[in-house]
């Protein structure tokens, strides 16, 4: 059984989110479980998806990346 790391990607730039997600998925040992540019949504997705890794930008709409990490 394959044990892929679940990754959540949060960045304000949509194009960058998709490029990073595609790159991570191509690695084979990672699964992108969600992407967003909204800080409030990041907090929700962390609870719902329980990722192993969160890749986040500091500048997000709604709630900045540092506030997301504090929460």
N, C-alpha and C. Protein backbone atom coordinates (compact mmCIF):
# COMPACT_ATOMS: atom_id res chain seq x y z
N UNK A 1 0.83 -1.18 0.00
CA UNK A 1 0.00 0.00 0.00
C UNK A 1 0.88 1.25 0.00
N UNK A 2 0.54 2.18 -0.86
CA UNK A 2 1.30 3.41 -1.00
C UNK A 2 0.92 4.39 0.09
N UNK A 3 1.92 5.05 0.69
CA UNK A 3 1.68 6.02 1.76
C UNK A 3 2.06 7.41 1.27
N UNK A 4 1.14 8.06 0.58
CA UNK A 4 1.40 9.39 0.04
C UNK A 4 1.21 10.45 1.12
N UNK A 5 2.06 11.47 1.08
CA UNK A 5 1.92 12.62 1.97
C UNK A 5 0.82 13.51 1.43
N UNK A 6 -0.11 13.89 2.30
CA UNK A 6 -1.19 14.79 1.90
C UNK A 6 -0.72 16.23 2.05
N UNK A 7 -0.86 17.01 0.96
CA UNK A 7 -0.37 18.38 0.93
C UNK A 7 -1.52 19.33 0.63
N UNK A 8 -1.57 20.43 1.38
CA UNK A 8 -2.53 21.51 1.14
C UNK A 8 -1.74 22.72 0.68
N UNK A 9 -2.14 23.31 -0.44
CA UNK A 9 -1.43 24.45 -1.02
C UNK A 9 -2.29 25.71 -0.91
N UNK A 10 -1.73 26.75 -0.28
CA UNK A 10 -2.43 28.02 -0.13
C UNK A 10 -1.54 29.14 -0.64
N UNK A 11 -2.00 29.80 -1.69
CA UNK A 11 -1.25 30.92 -2.28
C UNK A 11 -2.24 31.84 -2.96
N UNK A 12 -1.98 33.13 -2.88
CA UNK A 12 -2.89 34.11 -3.48
C UNK A 12 -2.88 34.08 -5.01
N UNK A 13 -1.82 33.55 -5.58
CA UNK A 13 -1.70 33.50 -7.03
C UNK A 13 -2.22 32.17 -7.56
N UNK A 14 -3.35 32.21 -8.24
CA UNK A 14 -4.00 30.98 -8.72
C UNK A 14 -3.11 30.18 -9.66
N UNK A 15 -2.44 30.86 -10.57
CA UNK A 15 -1.57 30.16 -11.53
C UNK A 15 -0.45 29.41 -10.80
N UNK A 16 0.15 30.09 -9.81
CA UNK A 16 1.22 29.45 -9.04
C UNK A 16 0.69 28.23 -8.28
N UNK A 17 -0.51 28.35 -7.69
CA UNK A 17 -1.11 27.21 -6.97
C UNK A 17 -1.24 26.00 -7.87
N UNK A 18 -1.73 26.21 -9.09
CA UNK A 18 -1.92 25.10 -10.01
C UNK A 18 -0.58 24.51 -10.46
N UNK A 19 0.40 25.37 -10.74
CA UNK A 19 1.72 24.88 -11.14
C UNK A 19 2.38 24.07 -10.03
N UNK A 20 2.32 24.59 -8.80
CA UNK A 20 2.91 23.89 -7.67
C UNK A 20 2.18 22.56 -7.41
N UNK A 21 0.87 22.59 -7.48
CA UNK A 21 0.09 21.37 -7.28
C UNK A 21 0.45 20.31 -8.31
N UNK A 22 0.54 20.70 -9.57
CA UNK A 22 0.91 19.76 -10.63
C UNK A 22 2.30 19.18 -10.39
N UNK A 23 3.23 20.03 -9.97
CA UNK A 23 4.60 19.58 -9.71
C UNK A 23 4.63 18.59 -8.56
N UNK A 24 3.91 18.90 -7.48
CA UNK A 24 3.88 18.00 -6.33
C UNK A 24 3.24 16.66 -6.68
N UNK A 25 2.15 16.69 -7.42
CA UNK A 25 1.46 15.46 -7.80
C UNK A 25 2.34 14.59 -8.71
N UNK A 26 3.17 15.22 -9.51
CA UNK A 26 4.05 14.48 -10.42
C UNK A 26 5.13 13.71 -9.66
N UNK A 27 5.39 14.09 -8.42
CA UNK A 27 6.40 13.40 -7.62
C UNK A 27 6.00 11.96 -7.31
N UNK A 28 4.70 11.70 -7.28
CA UNK A 28 4.25 10.33 -7.05
C UNK A 28 4.05 9.95 -5.60
N UNK A 29 4.79 10.59 -4.69
CA UNK A 29 4.62 10.25 -3.27
C UNK A 29 3.85 11.33 -2.51
N UNK A 30 3.24 12.25 -3.27
CA UNK A 30 2.46 13.32 -2.65
C UNK A 30 1.09 13.43 -3.32
N UNK A 31 0.10 13.77 -2.51
CA UNK A 31 -1.25 13.97 -2.99
C UNK A 31 -1.72 15.35 -2.53
N UNK A 32 -2.06 16.21 -3.47
CA UNK A 32 -2.57 17.53 -3.12
C UNK A 32 -4.05 17.36 -2.78
N UNK A 33 -4.39 17.63 -1.52
CA UNK A 33 -5.76 17.42 -1.05
C UNK A 33 -6.61 18.68 -1.13
N UNK A 34 -5.99 19.81 -1.47
CA UNK A 34 -6.75 21.04 -1.62
C UNK A 34 -5.86 22.20 -1.98
N UNK A 35 -6.46 23.20 -2.61
CA UNK A 35 -5.77 24.44 -2.93
C UNK A 35 -6.73 25.59 -2.70
N UNK A 36 -6.19 26.73 -2.28
CA UNK A 36 -7.01 27.92 -2.08
C UNK A 36 -6.12 29.15 -1.96
N UNK A 37 -6.72 30.31 -2.16
CA UNK A 37 -6.04 31.58 -1.96
C UNK A 37 -6.65 32.36 -0.81
N UNK A 38 -7.61 31.73 -0.12
CA UNK A 38 -8.33 32.39 0.97
C UNK A 38 -7.90 31.82 2.31
N UNK A 39 -7.39 32.67 3.18
CA UNK A 39 -6.88 32.21 4.48
C UNK A 39 -7.92 31.55 5.35
N UNK A 40 -9.15 32.06 5.33
CA UNK A 40 -10.21 31.46 6.12
C UNK A 40 -10.51 30.04 5.63
N UNK A 41 -10.46 29.87 4.34
CA UNK A 41 -10.71 28.55 3.74
C UNK A 41 -9.58 27.58 4.08
N UNK A 42 -8.35 28.10 4.19
CA UNK A 42 -7.22 27.24 4.56
C UNK A 42 -7.49 26.61 5.92
N UNK A 43 -7.92 27.42 6.87
CA UNK A 43 -8.19 26.92 8.21
C UNK A 43 -9.25 25.81 8.16
N UNK A 44 -10.29 25.99 7.37
CA UNK A 44 -11.34 24.98 7.22
C UNK A 44 -10.78 23.70 6.60
N UNK A 45 -9.98 23.86 5.54
CA UNK A 45 -9.43 22.70 4.84
C UNK A 45 -8.47 21.89 5.71
N UNK A 46 -7.72 22.57 6.57
CA UNK A 46 -6.80 21.86 7.47
C UNK A 46 -7.60 20.93 8.38
N UNK A 47 -8.72 21.43 8.90
CA UNK A 47 -9.56 20.61 9.77
C UNK A 47 -10.20 19.46 8.99
N UNK A 48 -10.70 19.76 7.79
CA UNK A 48 -11.40 18.75 6.99
C UNK A 48 -10.47 17.69 6.41
N UNK A 49 -9.38 18.13 5.81
CA UNK A 49 -8.50 17.23 5.04
C UNK A 49 -7.35 16.64 5.84
N UNK A 50 -6.99 17.27 6.97
CA UNK A 50 -5.90 16.82 7.81
C UNK A 50 -4.61 16.54 7.01
N UNK A 51 -4.09 17.57 6.35
CA UNK A 51 -2.88 17.37 5.54
C UNK A 51 -1.65 17.11 6.41
N UNK A 52 -0.68 16.42 5.82
CA UNK A 52 0.60 16.21 6.49
C UNK A 52 1.47 17.46 6.36
N UNK A 53 1.28 18.19 5.25
CA UNK A 53 2.08 19.37 4.94
C UNK A 53 1.17 20.49 4.47
N UNK A 54 1.43 21.71 4.98
CA UNK A 54 0.76 22.91 4.50
C UNK A 54 1.80 23.82 3.87
N UNK A 55 1.63 24.12 2.59
CA UNK A 55 2.49 25.07 1.90
C UNK A 55 1.66 26.33 1.75
N UNK A 56 2.06 27.40 2.45
CA UNK A 56 1.25 28.61 2.44
C UNK A 56 2.07 29.86 2.17
N UNK A 57 1.43 30.79 1.51
CA UNK A 57 1.96 32.12 1.30
C UNK A 57 1.61 32.94 2.54
N UNK A 58 2.33 33.99 2.80
CA UNK A 58 2.01 34.86 3.92
C UNK A 58 0.82 35.75 3.57
N UNK A 59 0.75 36.17 2.31
CA UNK A 59 -0.32 37.07 1.87
C UNK A 59 -1.45 36.26 1.25
N UNK A 60 -2.58 36.22 1.96
CA UNK A 60 -3.79 35.53 1.49
C UNK A 60 -4.97 36.46 1.75
N UNK A 61 -6.05 36.26 1.03
CA UNK A 61 -7.25 37.04 1.30
C UNK A 61 -7.96 36.47 2.52
N UNK A 62 -8.73 37.29 3.20
CA UNK A 62 -9.51 36.84 4.34
C UNK A 62 -8.71 36.76 5.62
N UNK A 63 -7.65 35.97 5.63
CA UNK A 63 -6.79 35.79 6.79
C UNK A 63 -5.39 35.53 6.27
N UNK A 64 -4.38 36.26 6.78
CA UNK A 64 -3.04 36.06 6.24
C UNK A 64 -2.46 34.73 6.72
N UNK A 65 -1.41 34.32 6.05
CA UNK A 65 -0.80 33.02 6.32
C UNK A 65 -0.33 32.84 7.75
N UNK A 66 0.19 33.91 8.37
CA UNK A 66 0.65 33.81 9.75
C UNK A 66 -0.52 33.60 10.70
N UNK A 67 -1.65 34.25 10.44
CA UNK A 67 -2.84 34.05 11.27
C UNK A 67 -3.36 32.63 11.12
N UNK A 68 -3.27 32.09 9.92
CA UNK A 68 -3.69 30.70 9.68
C UNK A 68 -2.85 29.77 10.54
N UNK A 69 -1.54 30.00 10.56
CA UNK A 69 -0.65 29.13 11.33
C UNK A 69 -0.92 29.25 12.83
N UNK A 70 -1.22 30.47 13.30
CA UNK A 70 -1.56 30.65 14.71
C UNK A 70 -2.83 29.89 15.09
N UNK A 71 -3.81 29.93 14.19
CA UNK A 71 -5.08 29.28 14.45
C UNK A 71 -4.91 27.78 14.45
